[in-house]
Amino acid sequence: MKFTPYLAVAIAGMAIFSACEKDSEMVTVNIGELPTLNASTDSLILLQENAADTAVIFNWSPLDVNWSNNEVSTNILTYEVQISTKERNFQGAPILTIDAQGTTAAATVQQLNTAMIEAKLPLEERSNLVARLALTLAPNKVQYSNVLELKVTPYEDVVMLPSLFIAGALNNWIHSNDFRVGSINSDTKYEGYANFTAGNLAFKFSSQANWGGTNYGGTTGKLSNAGNADNLEVPAAGYYLLKADTEALTWTATPVTWGIIGAAAKGWGDNDDVALTYDETENVWTATVDFSAGPFKFRANKAWTISFGAGARAGVLSYGGGDLQITEAGRYLVTLDLRNAGYYTYTIEAQ
């Protein structure tokens, strides 16, 4: 027999009516009371070192689904847990949707943290979230459980690549995570950006955050790990892309300035770059731009030799990546952040 389902909702449950084309038999599906959603915790402080761990587990009792004719019964029920901010209260898309495994669903620390970052919630501060269970018997018939409140503190998701440290006159010869070149492919090739001021041009690369590892000095274009190697030096003050290869024992320093190009800004022409300004206090590049809806990219020196497009996740950049997008025209503060060696990011904030 071929059944075509027709749906109706009752207060205490849901009835699905199916008419049999052969003999007009009516089949009904009734459900019991909606289950109560429970969570393993209602307060979380997320930590990057626990990114792969389970942050929260949701569980509930199975919903009773009864067919009037078991010969034609089928598993039509699906569950998912939806998480939103308390402020939005499920207006618009949830910030995170978790598919169920039976009558449980779990989110890892990284899943929850990433969702909060992409929702632009404040980092290292507690935010109020809400969670509910969505029960679907048909695409246009979704029932929702009780709503739980969660208090969650996300962390700043910092990816630190294998690195060489930059110590020199630019930072009083101190090793720190703020001055590094990173290996994007975890090999012997490193890159990163640094700003040099007049009279503070000398530096060395170090394999660890002190002088106790392998230290690289040398000459123009050549590295040396000899203890008496001369300091490396850039030719003049400015902002540089530094590259080093510890196997080939070579290095380069390319002076760069940054701009925005694309249909969302002034266009894609050779002279259409909108200049970014370097902030020496925050060590980032910024501009306030009147954007149209459309694509754009970042590029250095008004050329495509060094350019950034969309990376693997929102807010992360990739060399030569796809177009970045402005979805709504308006005035925006653009920040290009190249401080984390090899893992570059940007933000767009409406003004």
C-alpha atoms as a PDB file:
ATOM      1  CA  MET A   1       0.000   0.000   0.000  1.00  0.00           C
ATOM      2  CA  LYS A   2       1.190   3.541  -0.664  1.00  0.00           C
ATOM      3  CA  PHE A   3       0.654   6.058   2.157  1.00  0.00           C
ATOM      4  CA  THR A   4       0.671   9.814   1.812  1.00  0.00           C
ATOM      5  CA  PRO A   5       1.133  11.568   5.206  1.00  0.00           C
ATOM      6  CA  TYR A   6      -0.997  14.467   6.395  1.00  0.00           C
ATOM      7  CA  LEU A   7      -0.067  16.228   9.620  1.00  0.00           C
ATOM      8  CA  ALA A   8      -1.971  17.780  12.492  1.00  0.00           C
ATOM      9  CA  VAL A   9      -0.791  18.905  15.942  1.00  0.00           C
ATOM     10  CA  ALA A  10      -2.650  18.293  19.170  1.00  0.00           C
ATOM     11  CA  ILE A  11      -1.974  20.023  22.493  1.00  0.00           C
ATOM     12  CA  ALA A  12      -0.823  16.912  24.305  1.00  0.00           C
ATOM     13  CA  GLY A  13       0.959  15.399  21.341  1.00  0.00           C
ATOM     14  CA  MET A  14       1.094  15.081  17.608  1.00  0.00           C
ATOM     15  CA  ALA A  15      -1.051  12.975  15.323  1.00  0.00           C
ATOM     16  CA  ILE A  16       0.067  12.152  11.796  1.00  0.00           C
ATOM     17  CA  PHE A  17      -2.662  10.920   9.477  1.00  0.00           C
ATOM     18  CA  SER A  18      -1.805   8.750   6.476  1.00  0.00           C
ATOM     19  CA  ALA A  19      -4.373   7.894   3.846  1.00  0.00           C
ATOM     20  CA  CYS A  20      -4.020   4.579   2.014  1.00  0.00           C
ATOM     21  CA  GLU A  21      -4.708   5.025  -1.681  1.00  0.00           C
ATOM     22  CA  LYS A  22      -5.774   1.408  -2.032  1.00  0.00           C
ATOM     23  CA  ASP A  23      -8.539   1.133   0.522  1.00  0.00           C
ATOM     24  CA  SER A  24      -8.663   4.618   2.169  1.00  0.00           C
ATOM     25  CA  GLU A  25      -7.514   3.232   5.516  1.00  0.00           C
ATOM     26  CA  MET A  26      -6.465   6.051   7.882  1.00  0.00           C
ATOM     27  CA  VAL A  27      -3.237   5.541   9.839  1.00  0.00           C
ATOM     28  CA  THR A  28      -2.426   7.796  12.768  1.00  0.00           C
ATOM     29  CA  VAL A  29       0.775   8.476  14.661  1.00  0.00           C
ATOM     30  CA  ASN A  30       0.483   9.786  18.203  1.00  0.00           C
ATOM     31  CA  ILE A  31       3.220  11.037  20.501  1.00  0.00           C
ATOM     32  CA  GLY A  32       3.367  11.267  24.266  1.00  0.00           C
ATOM     33  CA  GLU A  33       4.483  14.121  26.462  1.00  0.00           C
ATOM     34  CA  LEU A  34       7.544  15.988  25.263  1.00  0.00           C
ATOM     35  CA  PRO A  35      10.710  14.881  27.083  1.00  0.00           C
ATOM     36  CA  THR A  36      12.627  17.112  29.489  1.00  0.00           C
ATOM     37  CA  LEU A  37      16.090  18.203  28.386  1.00  0.00           C
ATOM     38  CA  ASN A  38      18.851  17.825  31.002  1.00  0.00           C
ATOM     39  CA  ALA A  39      22.503  18.900  30.953  1.00  0.00           C
ATOM     40  CA  SER A  40      25.555  17.566  32.764  1.00  0.00           C
ATOM     41  CA  THR A  41      26.434  21.112  33.891  1.00  0.00           C
ATOM     42  CA  ASP A  42      25.074  24.634  33.671  1.00  0.00           C
ATOM     43  CA  SER A  43      28.339  26.528  34.160  1.00  0.00           C
ATOM     44  CA  LEU A  44      31.549  26.089  32.159  1.00  0.00           C
ATOM     45  CA  ILE A  45      34.936  27.765  31.895  1.00  0.00           C
ATOM     46  CA  LEU A  46      36.419  26.553  28.603  1.00  0.00           C
ATOM     47  CA  LEU A  47      40.189  25.994  28.395  1.00  0.00           C
ATOM     48  CA  GLN A  48      42.221  25.640  25.219  1.00  0.00           C
ATOM     49  CA  GLU A  49      44.292  22.771  26.609  1.00  0.00           C
ATOM     50  CA  ASN A  50      41.056  20.773  26.987  1.00  0.00           C
ATOM     51  CA  ALA A  51      39.811  21.540  23.458  1.00  0.00           C
ATOM     52  CA  ALA A  52      39.210  17.895  22.516  1.00  0.00           C
ATOM     53  CA  ASP A  53      37.368  17.051  25.747  1.00  0.00           C
ATOM     54  CA  THR A  54      33.609  16.919  26.165  1.00  0.00           C
ATOM     55  CA  ALA A  55      32.279  20.206  27.540  1.00  0.00           C
ATOM     56  CA  VAL A  56      28.644  19.295  28.186  1.00  0.00           C
ATOM     57  CA  ILE A  57      26.393  16.270  27.690  1.00  0.00           C
ATOM     58  CA  PHE A  58      22.655  16.624  27.119  1.00  0.00           C
ATOM     59  CA  ASN A  59      20.198  13.791  27.707  1.00  0.00           C
ATOM     60  CA  TRP A  60      16.455  13.183  27.672  1.00  0.00           C
ATOM     61  CA  SER A  61      13.933  10.355  27.766  1.00  0.00           C
ATOM     62  CA  PRO A  62      12.822   8.935  24.417  1.00  0.00           C
ATOM     63  CA  LEU A  63       9.613  10.350  23.004  1.00  0.00           C
ATOM     64  CA  ASP A  64       6.791   7.808  22.756  1.00  0.00           C
ATOM     65  CA  VAL A  65       5.722   7.445  19.133  1.00  0.00           C
ATOM     66  CA  ASN A  66       2.739   5.128  18.524  1.00  0.00           C
ATOM     67  CA  TRP A  67       1.413   4.057  15.139  1.00  0.00           C
ATOM     68  CA  SER A  68      -2.171   2.844  14.752  1.00  0.00           C
ATOM     69  CA  ASN A  69      -0.916   0.304  12.206  1.00  0.00           C
ATOM     70  CA  ASN A  70       2.510  -1.105  13.093  1.00  0.00           C
ATOM     71  CA  GLU A  71       2.813  -2.779   9.692  1.00  0.00           C
ATOM     72  CA  VAL A  72       3.520   0.604   8.125  1.00  0.00           C
ATOM     73  CA  SER A  73       5.445   2.153  11.000  1.00  0.00           C
ATOM     74  CA  THR A  74       8.800   3.780  10.276  1.00  0.00           C
ATOM     75  CA  ASN A  75      11.408   5.674  12.262  1.00  0.00           C
ATOM     76  CA  ILE A  76      10.470   9.254  11.427  1.00  0.00           C
ATOM     77  CA  LEU A  77      11.669  10.966  14.620  1.00  0.00           C
ATOM     78  CA  THR A  78      14.934  12.913  14.822  1.00  0.00           C
ATOM     79  CA  TYR A  79      16.459  14.860  17.713  1.00  0.00           C
ATOM     80  CA  GLU A  80      18.932  17.730  17.827  1.00  0.00           C
ATOM     81  CA  VAL A  81      20.082  20.103  20.550  1.00  0.00           C
ATOM     82  CA  GLN A  82      20.113  23.781  19.617  1.00  0.00           C
ATOM     83  CA  ILE A  83      22.154  26.415  21.454  1.00  0.00           C
ATOM     84  CA  SER A  84      21.577  30.155  21.190  1.00  0.00           C
ATOM     85  CA  THR A  85      22.521  33.216  23.179  1.00  0.00           C
ATOM     86  CA  LYS A  86      20.078  34.196  25.894  1.00  0.00           C
ATOM     87  CA  GLU A  87      19.806  37.633  24.320  1.00  0.00           C
ATOM     88  CA  ARG A  88      18.754  36.234  20.925  1.00  0.00           C
ATOM     89  CA  ASN A  89      16.667  33.420  22.474  1.00  0.00           C
ATOM     90  CA  PHE A  90      16.566  31.359  19.246  1.00  0.00           C
ATOM     91  CA  GLN A  91      15.655  34.318  17.056  1.00  0.00           C
ATOM     92  CA  GLY A  92      17.544  33.455  13.887  1.00  0.00           C
ATOM     93  CA  ALA A  93      19.819  30.465  13.490  1.00  0.00           C
ATOM     94  CA  PRO A  94      21.280  28.792  16.611  1.00  0.00           C
ATOM     95  CA  ILE A  95      24.974  29.434  17.225  1.00  0.00           C
ATOM     96  CA  LEU A  96      25.451  25.658  17.527  1.00  0.00           C
ATOM     97  CA  THR A  97      23.366  22.624  16.533  1.00  0.00           C
ATOM     98  CA  ILE A  98      24.330  19.192  17.897  1.00  0.00           C
ATOM     99  CA  ASP A  99      22.989  16.012  16.295  1.00  0.00           C
ATOM    100  CA  ALA A 100      21.804  13.399  18.770  1.00  0.00           C
ATOM    101  CA  GLN A 101      23.175   9.934  19.326  1.00  0.00           C
ATOM    102  CA  GLY A 102      20.100   8.107  20.567  1.00  0.00           C
ATOM    103  CA  THR A 103      18.826  10.190  23.458  1.00  0.00           C
ATOM    104  CA  THR A 104      22.064  12.045  24.193  1.00  0.00           C
ATOM    105  CA  ALA A 105      24.079  14.775  22.517  1.00  0.00           C
ATOM    106  CA  ALA A 106      27.458  16.194  23.459  1.00  0.00           C
ATOM    107  CA  ALA A 107      29.555  19.227  22.534  1.00  0.00           C
ATOM    108  CA  THR A 108      33.312  19.345  22.816  1.00  0.00           C
ATOM    109  CA  VAL A 109      35.137  22.296  24.336  1.00  0.00           C
ATOM    110  CA  GLN A 110      36.394  23.328  20.893  1.00  0.00           C
ATOM    111  CA  GLN A 111      32.954  23.063  19.249  1.00  0.00           C
ATOM    112  CA  LEU A 112      31.352  25.272  21.866  1.00  0.00           C
ATOM    113  CA  ASN A 113      34.247  27.721  21.947  1.00  0.00           C
ATOM    114  CA  THR A 114      34.330  28.059  18.153  1.00  0.00           C
ATOM    115  CA  ALA A 115      30.575  28.678  18.054  1.00  0.00           C
ATOM    116  CA  MET A 116      30.913  31.452  20.632  1.00  0.00           C
ATOM    117  CA  ILE A 117      33.814  33.067  18.770  1.00  0.00           C
ATOM    118  CA  GLU A 118      31.876  33.013  15.492  1.00  0.00           C
ATOM    119  CA  ALA A 119      28.895  34.557  17.300  1.00  0.00           C
ATOM    120  CA  LYS A 120      31.277  37.369  18.358  1.00  0.00           C
ATOM    121  CA  LEU A 121      30.706  36.797  22.065  1.00  0.00           C
ATOM    122  CA  PRO A 122      33.328  38.324  24.387  1.00  0.00           C
ATOM    123  CA  LEU A 123      36.365  36.157  25.111  1.00  0.00           C
ATOM    124  CA  GLU A 124      37.517  35.368  28.637  1.00  0.00           C
ATOM    125  CA  GLU A 125      34.144  36.640  29.903  1.00  0.00           C
ATOM    126  CA  ARG A 126      31.048  34.725  30.940  1.00  0.00           C
ATOM    127  CA  SER A 127      28.157  34.709  28.455  1.00  0.00           C
ATOM    128  CA  ASN A 128      24.624  33.448  29.007  1.00  0.00           C
ATOM    129  CA  LEU A 129      23.515  30.773  26.563  1.00  0.00           C
ATOM    130  CA  VAL A 130      20.277  28.794  26.221  1.00  0.00           C
ATOM    131  CA  ALA A 131      19.761  25.239  24.981  1.00  0.00           C
ATOM    132  CA  ARG A 132      16.685  23.330  23.836  1.00  0.00           C
ATOM    133  CA  LEU A 133      15.843  19.991  22.240  1.00  0.00           C
ATOM    134  CA  ALA A 134      14.241  20.053  18.790  1.00  0.00           C
ATOM    135  CA  LEU A 135      12.112  16.992  17.926  1.00  0.00           C
ATOM    136  CA  THR A 136      11.221  16.599  14.264  1.00  0.00           C
ATOM    137  CA  LEU A 137       8.519  14.246  12.964  1.00  0.00           C
ATOM    138  CA  ALA A 138       8.167  15.993   9.619  1.00  0.00           C
ATOM    139  CA  PRO A 139      10.031  18.900   7.989  1.00  0.00           C
ATOM    140  CA  ASN A 140       7.296  21.377   8.850  1.00  0.00           C
ATOM    141  CA  LYS A 141       6.394  19.934  12.242  1.00  0.00           C
ATOM    142  CA  VAL A 142       9.039  20.562  14.899  1.00  0.00           C
ATOM    143  CA  GLN A 143       8.398  20.453  18.637  1.00  0.00           C
ATOM    144  CA  TYR A 144      10.694  21.968  21.274  1.00  0.00           C
ATOM    145  CA  SER A 145      11.525  20.947  24.828  1.00  0.00           C
ATOM    146  CA  ASN A 146      12.108  23.067  27.880  1.00  0.00           C
ATOM    147  CA  VAL A 147      14.921  25.641  27.675  1.00  0.00           C
ATOM    148  CA  LEU A 148      18.076  25.313  29.792  1.00  0.00           C
ATOM    149  CA  GLU A 149      20.358  28.196  30.704  1.00  0.00           C
ATOM    150  CA  LEU A 150      24.132  27.784  30.456  1.00  0.00           C
ATOM    151  CA  LYS A 151      26.824  30.158  31.723  1.00  0.00           C
ATOM    152  CA  VAL A 152      29.914  29.700  29.551  1.00  0.00           C
ATOM    153  CA  THR A 153      33.296  31.472  29.484  1.00  0.00           C
ATOM    154  CA  PRO A 154      35.147  31.007  26.149  1.00  0.00           C
ATOM    155  CA  TYR A 155      38.869  31.318  25.591  1.00  0.00           C
ATOM    156  CA  GLU A 156      40.789  33.115  22.882  1.00  0.00           C
ATOM    157  CA  ASP A 157      41.560  30.376  20.377  1.00  0.00           C
ATOM    158  CA  VAL A 158      45.262  30.961  19.800  1.00  0.00           C
ATOM    159  CA  VAL A 159      47.047  28.643  17.405  1.00  0.00           C
ATOM    160  CA  MET A 160      50.792  28.711  17.979  1.00  0.00           C
ATOM    161  CA  LEU A 161      52.777  27.110  15.178  1.00  0.00           C
ATOM    162  CA  PRO A 162      56.289  25.679  15.614  1.00  0.00           C
ATOM    163  CA  SER A 163      58.378  28.805  15.889  1.00  0.00           C
ATOM    164  CA  LEU A 164      61.687  30.585  15.952  1.00  0.00           C
ATOM    165  CA  PHE A 165      61.842  33.531  18.321  1.00  0.00           C
ATOM    166  CA  ILE A 166      62.977  36.992  17.230  1.00  0.00           C
ATOM    167  CA  ALA A 167      65.167  38.753  19.777  1.00  0.00           C
ATOM    168  CA  GLY A 168      66.793  42.032  18.946  1.00  0.00           C
ATOM    169  CA  ALA A 169      66.935  45.765  19.379  1.00  0.00           C
ATOM    170  CA  LEU A 170      63.237  45.960  18.435  1.00  0.00           C
ATOM    171  CA  ASN A 171      62.291  44.246  21.746  1.00  0.00           C
ATOM    172  CA  ASN A 172      65.340  44.873  23.959  1.00  0.00           C
ATOM    173  CA  TRP A 173      66.753  41.452  23.031  1.00  0.00           C
ATOM    174  CA  ILE A 174      64.009  39.666  25.007  1.00  0.00           C
ATOM    175  CA  HIS A 175      62.424  36.429  23.781  1.00  0.00           C
ATOM    176  CA  SER A 176      58.611  36.338  23.862  1.00  0.00           C
ATOM    177  CA  ASN A 177      55.639  34.855  22.020  1.00  0.00           C
ATOM    178  CA  ASP A 178      54.915  38.312  20.602  1.00  0.00           C
ATOM    179  CA  PHE A 179      58.013  38.180  18.375  1.00  0.00           C
ATOM    180  CA  ARG A 180      58.208  34.964  16.363  1.00  0.00           C
ATOM    181  CA  VAL A 181      58.333  33.443  12.909  1.00  0.00           C
ATOM    182  CA  GLY A 182      56.179  30.323  12.548  1.00  0.00           C
ATOM    183  CA  SER A 183      56.293  27.224  10.369  1.00  0.00           C
ATOM    184  CA  ILE A 184      52.974  26.964   8.531  1.00  0.00           C
ATOM    185  CA  ASN A 185      53.771  23.448   7.277  1.00  0.00           C
ATOM    186  CA  SER A 186      55.700  22.328  10.385  1.00  0.00           C
ATOM    187  CA  ASP A 187      58.929  22.033   8.426  1.00  0.00           C
ATOM    188  CA  THR A 188      62.187  24.015   8.382  1.00  0.00           C
ATOM    189  CA  LYS A 189      60.638  27.085   6.742  1.00  0.00           C
ATOM    190  CA  TYR A 190      59.432  29.891   8.996  1.00  0.00           C
ATOM    191  CA  GLU A 191      57.767  33.242   8.455  1.00  0.00           C
ATOM    192  CA  GLY A 192      56.289  36.129  10.396  1.00  0.00           C
ATOM    193  CA  TYR A 193      55.974  39.910  10.523  1.00  0.00           C
ATOM    194  CA  ALA A 194      57.845  42.454  12.625  1.00  0.00           C
ATOM    195  CA  ASN A 195      58.118  46.228  12.832  1.00  0.00           C
ATOM    196  CA  PHE A 196      61.576  47.784  13.105  1.00  0.00           C
ATOM    197  CA  THR A 197      62.151  51.384  14.161  1.00  0.00           C
ATOM    198  CA  ALA A 198      65.111  53.572  13.268  1.00  0.00           C
ATOM    199  CA  GLY A 199      68.290  52.559  15.091  1.00  0.00           C
ATOM    200  CA  ASN A 200      66.795  49.228  16.196  1.00  0.00           C
ATOM    201  CA  LEU A 201      67.456  47.054  13.156  1.00  0.00           C
ATOM    202  CA  ALA A 202      69.618  44.191  14.518  1.00  0.00           C
ATOM    203  CA  PHE A 203      68.234  40.834  15.692  1.00  0.00           C
ATOM    204  CA  LYS A 204      68.723  37.067  15.781  1.00  0.00           C
ATOM    205  CA  PHE A 205      66.465  34.031  15.470  1.00  0.00           C
ATOM    206  CA  SER A 206      66.385  31.549  18.389  1.00  0.00           C
ATOM    207  CA  SER A 207      65.016  28.010  18.488  1.00  0.00           C
ATOM    208  CA  GLN A 208      63.614  28.525  21.996  1.00  0.00           C
ATOM    209  CA  ALA A 209      62.470  31.390  24.184  1.00  0.00           C
ATOM    210  CA  ASN A 210      65.951  32.004  25.591  1.00  0.00           C
ATOM    211  CA  TRP A 211      69.568  31.867  24.448  1.00  0.00           C
ATOM    212  CA  GLY A 212      69.981  28.222  25.491  1.00  0.00           C
ATOM    213  CA  GLY A 213      68.948  26.672  22.175  1.00  0.00           C
ATOM    214  CA  THR A 214      70.194  27.170  18.626  1.00  0.00           C
ATOM    215  CA  ASN A 215      70.631  30.831  17.751  1.00  0.00           C
ATOM    216  CA  TYR A 216      70.871  32.103  14.183  1.00  0.00           C
ATOM    217  CA  GLY A 217      72.817  35.145  13.096  1.00  0.00           C
ATOM    218  CA  GLY A 218      74.619  35.618   9.807  1.00  0.00           C
ATOM    219  CA  THR A 219      74.874  37.992   6.913  1.00  0.00           C
ATOM    220  CA  THR A 220      72.510  39.339   4.267  1.00  0.00           C
ATOM    221  CA  GLY A 221      70.479  36.377   3.016  1.00  0.00           C
ATOM    222  CA  LYS A 222      72.574  33.775   4.884  1.00  0.00           C
ATOM    223  CA  LEU A 223      72.015  32.213   8.312  1.00  0.00           C
ATOM    224  CA  SER A 224      74.692  30.861  10.642  1.00  0.00           C
ATOM    225  CA  ASN A 225      74.233  28.969  13.891  1.00  0.00           C
ATOM    226  CA  ALA A 226      77.832  29.564  14.932  1.00  0.00           C
ATOM    227  CA  GLY A 227      78.176  31.023  18.407  1.00  0.00           C
ATOM    228  CA  ASN A 228      80.110  34.029  17.097  1.00  0.00           C
ATOM    229  CA  ALA A 229      77.769  34.741  14.139  1.00  0.00           C
ATOM    230  CA  ASP A 230      77.027  38.409  13.495  1.00  0.00           C
ATOM    231  CA  ASN A 231      73.602  39.832  14.160  1.00  0.00           C
ATOM    232  CA  LEU A 232      71.087  39.832  11.342  1.00  0.00           C
ATOM    233  CA  GLU A 233      69.915  43.273  10.279  1.00  0.00           C
ATOM    234  CA  VAL A 234      67.150  44.745   8.125  1.00  0.00           C
ATOM    235  CA  PRO A 235      68.262  47.594   5.841  1.00  0.00           C
ATOM    236  CA  ALA A 236      65.963  50.346   7.160  1.00  0.00           C
ATOM    237  CA  ALA A 237      63.110  51.059   9.522  1.00  0.00           C
ATOM    238  CA  GLY A 238      59.787  49.593   8.482  1.00  0.00           C
ATOM    239  CA  TYR A 239      57.348  46.681   8.692  1.00  0.00           C
ATOM    240  CA  TYR A 240      58.794  43.450   7.269  1.00  0.00           C
ATOM    241  CA  LEU A 241      57.804  39.961   6.254  1.00  0.00           C
ATOM    242  CA  LEU A 242      60.649  37.849   7.639  1.00  0.00           C
ATOM    243  CA  LYS A 243      61.360  34.357   6.317  1.00  0.00           C
ATOM    244  CA  ALA A 244      63.953  31.847   7.487  1.00  0.00           C
ATOM    245  CA  ASP A 245      64.908  28.338   6.360  1.00  0.00           C
ATOM    246  CA  THR A 246      66.959  26.519   8.978  1.00  0.00           C
ATOM    247  CA  GLU A 247      67.857  23.700   6.584  1.00  0.00           C
ATOM    248  CA  ALA A 248      68.975  25.854   3.647  1.00  0.00           C
ATOM    249  CA  LEU A 249      70.346  28.431   6.147  1.00  0.00           C
ATOM    250  CA  THR A 250      68.777  31.350   4.286  1.00  0.00           C
ATOM    251  CA  TRP A 251      66.620  34.284   5.282  1.00  0.00           C
ATOM    252  CA  THR A 252      64.826  37.233   3.662  1.00  0.00           C
ATOM    253  CA  ALA A 253      63.245  40.484   4.830  1.00  0.00           C
ATOM    254  CA  THR A 254      60.587  42.059   2.589  1.00  0.00           C
ATOM    255  CA  PRO A 255      59.227  45.506   3.520  1.00  0.00           C
ATOM    256  CA  VAL A 256      55.419  45.606   3.259  1.00  0.00           C
ATOM    257  CA  THR A 257      52.480  47.937   3.638  1.00  0.00           C
ATOM    258  CA  TRP A 258      48.922  46.640   3.483  1.00  0.00           C
ATOM    259  CA  GLY A 259      45.694  47.568   1.764  1.00  0.00           C
ATOM    260  CA  ILE A 260      42.208  46.334   0.889  1.00  0.00           C
ATOM    261  CA  ILE A 261      41.151  45.683  -2.678  1.00  0.00           C
ATOM    262  CA  GLY A 262      37.922  44.427  -4.214  1.00  0.00           C
ATOM    263  CA  ALA A 263      34.437  45.257  -5.416  1.00  0.00           C
ATOM    264  CA  ALA A 264      33.308  45.850  -1.822  1.00  0.00           C
ATOM    265  CA  ALA A 265      35.828  48.719  -1.563  1.00  0.00           C
ATOM    266  CA  LYS A 266      37.040  50.776  -4.543  1.00  0.00           C
ATOM    267  CA  GLY A 267      37.390  47.944  -7.061  1.00  0.00           C
ATOM    268  CA  TRP A 268      39.924  45.421  -8.380  1.00  0.00           C
ATOM    269  CA  GLY A 269      42.052  47.835 -10.401  1.00  0.00           C
ATOM    270  CA  ASP A 270      45.806  48.184  -9.980  1.00  0.00           C
ATOM    271  CA  ASN A 271      45.381  51.504  -8.162  1.00  0.00           C
ATOM    272  CA  ASP A 272      42.187  50.701  -6.217  1.00  0.00           C
ATOM    273  CA  ASP A 273      43.834  49.659  -2.947  1.00  0.00           C
ATOM    274  CA  VAL A 274      42.422  51.238   0.218  1.00  0.00           C
ATOM    275  CA  ALA A 275      45.427  51.773   2.489  1.00  0.00           C
ATOM    276  CA  LEU A 276      45.580  50.324   5.990  1.00  0.00           C
ATOM    277  CA  THR A 277      47.491  52.204   8.709  1.00  0.00           C
ATOM    278  CA  TYR A 278      49.899  50.473  11.072  1.00  0.00           C
ATOM    279  CA  ASP A 279      49.079  50.943  14.765  1.00  0.00           C
ATOM    280  CA  GLU A 280      52.439  50.834  16.574  1.00  0.00           C
ATOM    281  CA  THR A 281      50.742  50.505  19.963  1.00  0.00           C
ATOM    282  CA  GLU A 282      48.576  47.497  19.136  1.00  0.00           C
ATOM    283  CA  ASN A 283      50.833  46.150  16.359  1.00  0.00           C
ATOM    284  CA  VAL A 284      47.925  45.707  13.935  1.00  0.00           C
ATOM    285  CA  TRP A 285      46.849  47.299  10.630  1.00  0.00           C
ATOM    286  CA  THR A 286      43.531  49.178  10.591  1.00  0.00           C
ATOM    287  CA  ALA A 287      41.248  51.288   8.399  1.00  0.00           C
ATOM    288  CA  THR A 288      37.700  52.575   8.575  1.00  0.00           C
ATOM    289  CA  VAL A 289      36.124  51.735   5.219  1.00  0.00           C
ATOM    290  CA  ASP A 290      32.794  52.536   3.571  1.00  0.00           C
ATOM    291  CA  PHE A 291      32.008  49.138   2.056  1.00  0.00           C
ATOM    292  CA  SER A 292      29.462  48.043  -0.504  1.00  0.00           C
ATOM    293  CA  ALA A 293      28.155  44.491  -0.317  1.00  0.00           C
ATOM    294  CA  GLY A 294      30.615  42.297  -2.196  1.00  0.00           C
ATOM    295  CA  PRO A 295      34.050  40.640  -2.181  1.00  0.00           C
ATOM    296  CA  PHE A 296      37.442  41.933  -1.093  1.00  0.00           C
ATOM    297  CA  LYS A 297      40.940  40.780  -0.186  1.00  0.00           C
ATOM    298  CA  PHE A 298      44.036  42.058   1.598  1.00  0.00           C
ATOM    299  CA  ARG A 299      47.234  42.560  -0.377  1.00  0.00           C
ATOM    300  CA  ALA A 300      50.687  43.990   0.275  1.00  0.00           C
ATOM    301  CA  ASN A 301      52.510  46.707  -1.641  1.00  0.00           C
ATOM    302  CA  LYS A 302      49.635  47.196  -4.139  1.00  0.00           C
ATOM    303  CA  ALA A 303      50.545  43.893  -5.792  1.00  0.00           C
ATOM    304  CA  TRP A 304      49.383  40.257  -5.727  1.00  0.00           C
ATOM    305  CA  THR A 305      52.747  38.739  -4.772  1.00  0.00           C
ATOM    306  CA  ILE A 306      51.664  38.733  -1.111  1.00  0.00           C
ATOM    307  CA  SER A 307      47.897  38.611  -0.541  1.00  0.00           C
ATOM    308  CA  PHE A 308      45.368  37.161   1.877  1.00  0.00           C
ATOM    309  CA  GLY A 309      41.925  35.687   1.292  1.00  0.00           C
ATOM    310  CA  ALA A 310      39.571  33.424   3.200  1.00  0.00           C
ATOM    311  CA  GLY A 311      41.150  30.774   5.406  1.00  0.00           C
ATOM    312  CA  ALA A 312      39.876  27.506   6.844  1.00  0.00           C
ATOM    313  CA  ARG A 313      37.539  29.182   9.332  1.00  0.00           C
ATOM    314  CA  ALA A 314      35.802  32.495   9.895  1.00  0.00           C
ATOM    315  CA  GLY A 315      38.215  35.309  10.683  1.00  0.00           C
ATOM    316  CA  VAL A 316      41.329  33.359   9.659  1.00  0.00           C
ATOM    317  CA  LEU A 317      43.333  34.300   6.558  1.00  0.00           C
ATOM    318  CA  SER A 318      45.179  32.225   3.996  1.00  0.00           C
ATOM    319  CA  TYR A 319      47.726  33.295   1.395  1.00  0.00           C
ATOM    320  CA  GLY A 320      45.943  33.451  -1.961  1.00  0.00           C
ATOM    321  CA  GLY A 321      42.674  32.330  -0.364  1.00  0.00           C
ATOM    322  CA  GLY A 322      39.191  32.895  -1.741  1.00  0.00           C
ATOM    323  CA  ASP A 323      37.336  36.188  -1.629  1.00  0.00           C
ATOM    324  CA  LEU A 324      36.306  37.629   1.720  1.00  0.00           C
ATOM    325  CA  GLN A 325      32.744  38.961   1.772  1.00  0.00           C
ATOM    326  CA  ILE A 326      30.866  42.006   3.005  1.00  0.00           C
ATOM    327  CA  THR A 327      27.198  40.992   3.188  1.00  0.00           C
ATOM    328  CA  GLU A 328      25.733  44.379   4.096  1.00  0.00           C
ATOM    329  CA  ALA A 329      26.906  47.788   2.917  1.00  0.00           C
ATOM    330  CA  GLY A 330      28.063  50.217   5.593  1.00  0.00           C
ATOM    331  CA  ARG A 331      31.012  51.763   7.408  1.00  0.00           C
ATOM    332  CA  TYR A 332      33.300  49.220   9.074  1.00  0.00           C
ATOM    333  CA  LEU A 333      36.480  49.193  11.126  1.00  0.00           C
ATOM    334  CA  VAL A 334      38.824  46.649   9.534  1.00  0.00           C
ATOM    335  CA  THR A 335      41.685  45.170  11.564  1.00  0.00           C
ATOM    336  CA  LEU A 336      44.389  43.020  10.007  1.00  0.00           C
ATOM    337  CA  ASP A 337      46.251  41.112  12.735  1.00  0.00           C
ATOM    338  CA  LEU A 338      49.588  39.544  11.742  1.00  0.00           C
ATOM    339  CA  ARG A 339      51.004  39.216  15.262  1.00  0.00           C
ATOM    340  CA  ASN A 340      50.580  35.428  15.551  1.00  0.00           C
ATOM    341  CA  ALA A 341      53.311  34.117  13.279  1.00  0.00           C
ATOM    342  CA  GLY A 342      51.917  31.993  10.451  1.00  0.00           C
ATOM    343  CA  TYR A 343      48.318  32.183  11.730  1.00  0.00           C
ATOM    344  CA  TYR A 344      46.869  35.451  10.556  1.00  0.00           C
ATOM    345  CA  THR A 345      43.425  36.898  11.323  1.00  0.00           C
ATOM    346  CA  TYR A 346      41.168  39.856  10.663  1.00  0.00           C
ATOM    347  CA  THR A 347      38.035  41.424  12.125  1.00  0.00           C
ATOM    348  CA  ILE A 348      35.273  43.597  10.637  1.00  0.00           C
ATOM    349  CA  GLU A 349      33.257  45.781  13.033  1.00  0.00           C
ATOM    350  CA  ALA A 350      30.308  47.947  12.028  1.00  0.00           C
ATOM    351  CA  GLN A 351      30.741  51.622  12.977  1.00  0.00           C
END
